[in-house]
Amino acid sequence: MAPIHLHETIDARSCSMHIEKSLPSAFPESNLEDWLRARQIDTVTVAGYTINNCVDSTIKHAFHAGFAIELLCDATGTFSYANAAGVASAEEIHRAFCVVVHSRFGAVVTTQTWIDAVGAGLPLQHDTPIASNRRALKLLHEAPHDGRSPHRPNATEILMQREDSQP
């Protein structure tokens, strides 16, 4: 695999720590955890590519090490997949990972929401798996379905329809 390089604009900026890695998580081949603890940093804010690989691995590693997690959903991405297990679009994968992370591992917010919260000194909250599941079951149960259409709206579509119908 060819080495990946930072964009020249990013590479030209100074940084406190630069990590070169060959595994998905930013933690195993670095002293990142020690570096964060030495500076009494208790929260890891994650952005990057790809959400289902490096981002997810870093989130899980940081979570298991006891750090609070913030995921900037509009500063992450992925690509579509098709293999023997099935087909998934980049959008489906991204949405699913954001929902799962927010349900247990950390707060999932946009970059602007994160900037506003940091500026105001406000903590970001995540959900719980049980509350997320109960909400999803309720939304899916309430979803209109005429029985003829092969498409049953998913929870995201239902929430979006509700937001669109709000005055």
Protein backbone atom coordinates (compact mmCIF):
# COMPACT_ATOMS: atom_id res chain seq x y z
CA MET A 1 0.00 0.00 0.00
CA ALA A 2 1.34 3.42 -0.95
CA PRO A 3 2.08 5.81 1.91
CA ILE A 4 -0.53 8.47 2.59
CA HIS A 5 0.65 12.03 3.06
CA LEU A 6 -0.96 15.04 4.69
CA HIS A 7 -2.21 17.80 2.43
CA GLU A 8 0.52 20.43 2.06
CA THR A 9 -1.58 23.08 3.84
CA ILE A 10 -2.01 20.82 6.87
CA ASP A 11 1.56 19.54 6.75
CA ALA A 12 2.91 23.13 6.86
CA ARG A 13 1.15 23.86 10.16
CA SER A 14 2.88 23.36 13.47
CA CYS A 15 1.53 20.66 15.74
CA SER A 16 2.10 19.42 19.26
CA MET A 17 2.23 15.79 18.20
CA HIS A 18 2.44 13.99 14.85
CA ILE A 19 1.52 10.31 14.66
CA GLU A 20 2.56 7.98 11.88
CA LYS A 21 0.73 4.69 12.06
CA SER A 22 0.14 1.44 10.20
CA LEU A 23 -2.82 0.23 12.27
CA PRO A 24 -6.29 1.82 12.18
CA SER A 25 -6.27 3.29 15.71
CA ALA A 26 -4.08 6.27 16.55
CA PHE A 27 -3.20 4.71 19.91
CA PRO A 28 -1.27 1.39 19.63
CA GLU A 29 1.88 2.50 17.80
CA SER A 30 2.19 5.87 19.53
CA ASN A 31 2.50 7.41 22.93
CA LEU A 32 -0.78 9.29 22.38
CA GLU A 33 -2.43 8.02 25.56
CA ASP A 34 0.58 8.99 27.71
CA TRP A 35 0.80 12.37 25.94
CA LEU A 36 -2.88 13.11 26.63
CA ARG A 37 -2.68 11.99 30.27
CA ALA A 38 0.49 14.01 30.90
CA ARG A 39 -1.45 17.11 29.82
CA GLN A 40 -4.54 16.09 31.83
CA ILE A 41 -6.63 15.91 28.66
CA ASP A 42 -9.71 13.79 29.29
CA THR A 43 -11.58 14.21 26.00
CA VAL A 44 -10.62 13.11 22.49
CA THR A 45 -12.26 14.89 19.56
CA VAL A 46 -12.10 12.76 16.43
CA ALA A 47 -12.28 13.65 12.74
CA GLY A 48 -10.81 11.86 9.78
CA TYR A 49 -11.13 9.20 7.16
CA THR A 50 -12.61 6.57 7.23
CA ILE A 51 -15.31 6.53 9.87
CA ASN A 52 -15.69 2.74 9.76
CA ASN A 53 -11.99 2.02 10.05
CA CYS A 54 -9.46 4.45 11.53
CA VAL A 55 -12.01 6.79 13.14
CA ASP A 56 -14.00 3.96 14.72
CA SER A 57 -10.86 2.15 15.93
CA THR A 58 -9.51 5.32 17.52
CA ILE A 59 -12.87 6.06 19.16
CA LYS A 60 -13.13 2.57 20.64
CA HIS A 61 -9.53 2.61 21.83
CA ALA A 62 -9.94 6.02 23.49
CA PHE A 63 -13.27 5.01 25.02
CA HIS A 64 -11.82 1.82 26.51
CA ALA A 65 -8.92 3.87 27.90
CA GLY A 66 -11.43 6.07 29.76
CA PHE A 67 -11.48 9.17 27.57
CA ALA A 68 -14.65 11.07 26.71
CA ILE A 69 -15.28 11.08 22.96
CA GLU A 70 -16.49 13.76 20.58
CA LEU A 71 -16.98 12.83 16.91
CA LEU A 72 -17.24 15.59 14.33
CA CYS A 73 -19.70 13.99 11.94
CA ASP A 74 -19.20 16.47 9.12
CA ALA A 75 -15.42 16.10 9.32
CA THR A 76 -15.44 12.35 8.72
CA GLY A 77 -16.21 10.24 5.71
CA THR A 78 -16.00 6.86 4.09
CA PHE A 79 -16.62 5.18 0.77
CA SER A 80 -19.19 2.66 -0.49
CA TYR A 81 -18.55 -1.08 -0.33
CA ALA A 82 -19.73 -4.11 -2.28
CA ASN A 83 -18.52 -7.59 -1.36
CA ALA A 84 -19.78 -11.06 -0.53
CA ALA A 85 -21.52 -9.73 2.59
CA GLY A 86 -23.59 -7.20 0.65
CA VAL A 87 -23.62 -3.62 -0.59
CA ALA A 88 -23.60 -0.44 1.48
CA SER A 89 -23.38 3.14 0.31
CA ALA A 90 -20.98 5.61 1.92
CA GLU A 91 -23.99 7.54 3.23
CA GLU A 92 -25.51 4.45 4.89
CA ILE A 93 -22.22 3.48 6.50
CA HIS A 94 -21.54 7.02 7.73
CA ARG A 95 -25.04 7.44 9.18
CA ALA A 96 -24.96 4.03 10.89
CA PHE A 97 -21.57 4.64 12.50
CA CYS A 98 -22.62 8.09 13.72
CA VAL A 99 -25.82 6.67 15.25
CA VAL A 100 -23.96 3.83 16.96
CA VAL A 101 -21.18 6.05 18.30
CA HIS A 102 -23.71 8.57 19.66
CA SER A 103 -25.72 5.80 21.31
CA ARG A 104 -22.86 4.70 23.54
CA PHE A 105 -19.34 5.87 22.88
CA GLY A 106 -19.48 9.64 22.58
CA ALA A 107 -21.19 12.80 21.42
CA VAL A 108 -21.65 13.08 17.66
CA VAL A 109 -21.96 16.68 16.53
CA THR A 110 -21.20 18.94 13.59
CA THR A 111 -18.01 20.95 13.61
CA GLN A 112 -19.97 24.18 14.17
CA THR A 113 -21.86 22.70 17.13
CA TRP A 114 -18.52 21.57 18.59
CA ILE A 115 -16.98 25.05 18.09
CA ASP A 116 -20.00 26.68 19.75
CA ALA A 117 -19.91 24.25 22.70
CA VAL A 118 -16.17 24.69 23.24
CA GLY A 119 -16.54 28.47 23.03
CA ALA A 120 -19.35 28.42 25.59
CA GLY A 121 -17.63 25.85 27.82
CA LEU A 122 -20.58 23.46 27.46
CA PRO A 123 -20.22 19.68 27.64
CA LEU A 124 -21.51 17.56 24.77
CA GLN A 125 -23.82 14.69 25.65
CA HIS A 126 -24.27 11.28 24.06
CA ASP A 127 -27.20 8.90 24.31
CA THR A 128 -27.51 5.36 25.68
CA PRO A 129 -28.05 2.14 23.71
CA ILE A 130 -31.34 1.41 25.49
CA ALA A 131 -32.79 4.90 25.00
CA SER A 132 -31.65 4.94 21.36
CA ASN A 133 -33.18 1.53 20.71
CA ARG A 134 -36.50 2.38 22.39
CA ARG A 135 -36.72 5.60 20.39
CA ALA A 136 -35.97 3.78 17.14
CA LEU A 137 -38.55 1.07 17.82
CA LYS A 138 -41.18 3.69 18.57
CA LEU A 139 -40.36 5.66 15.41
CA LEU A 140 -40.36 2.56 13.24
CA HIS A 141 -43.63 1.34 14.77
CA GLU A 142 -45.28 4.72 14.11
CA ALA A 143 -44.01 4.89 10.53
CA PRO A 144 -46.75 4.98 7.95
CA HIS A 145 -46.65 1.92 5.74
CA ASP A 146 -49.33 1.13 3.17
CA GLY A 147 -48.34 -2.54 2.86
CA ARG A 148 -47.85 -2.21 -0.91
CA SER A 149 -44.58 -0.31 -0.98
CA PRO A 150 -41.40 -2.40 -0.55
CA HIS A 151 -39.79 0.60 1.19
CA ARG A 152 -40.49 1.11 4.87
CA PRO A 153 -39.04 4.45 6.05
CA ASN A 154 -36.07 4.19 8.37
CA ALA A 155 -35.82 6.16 11.61
CA THR A 156 -33.71 8.91 10.03
CA GLU A 157 -36.31 9.46 7.29
CA ILE A 158 -39.09 9.56 9.88
CA LEU A 159 -37.24 12.13 11.99
CA MET A 160 -36.52 14.23 8.88
CA GLN A 161 -40.22 14.08 7.85
CA ARG A 162 -41.23 15.22 11.33
CA GLU A 163 -38.72 18.10 11.28
CA ASP A 164 -39.93 19.17 7.82
CA SER A 165 -43.55 19.27 9.01
CA GLN A 166 -42.73 21.39 12.09
CA PRO A 167 -43.79 25.08 11.80
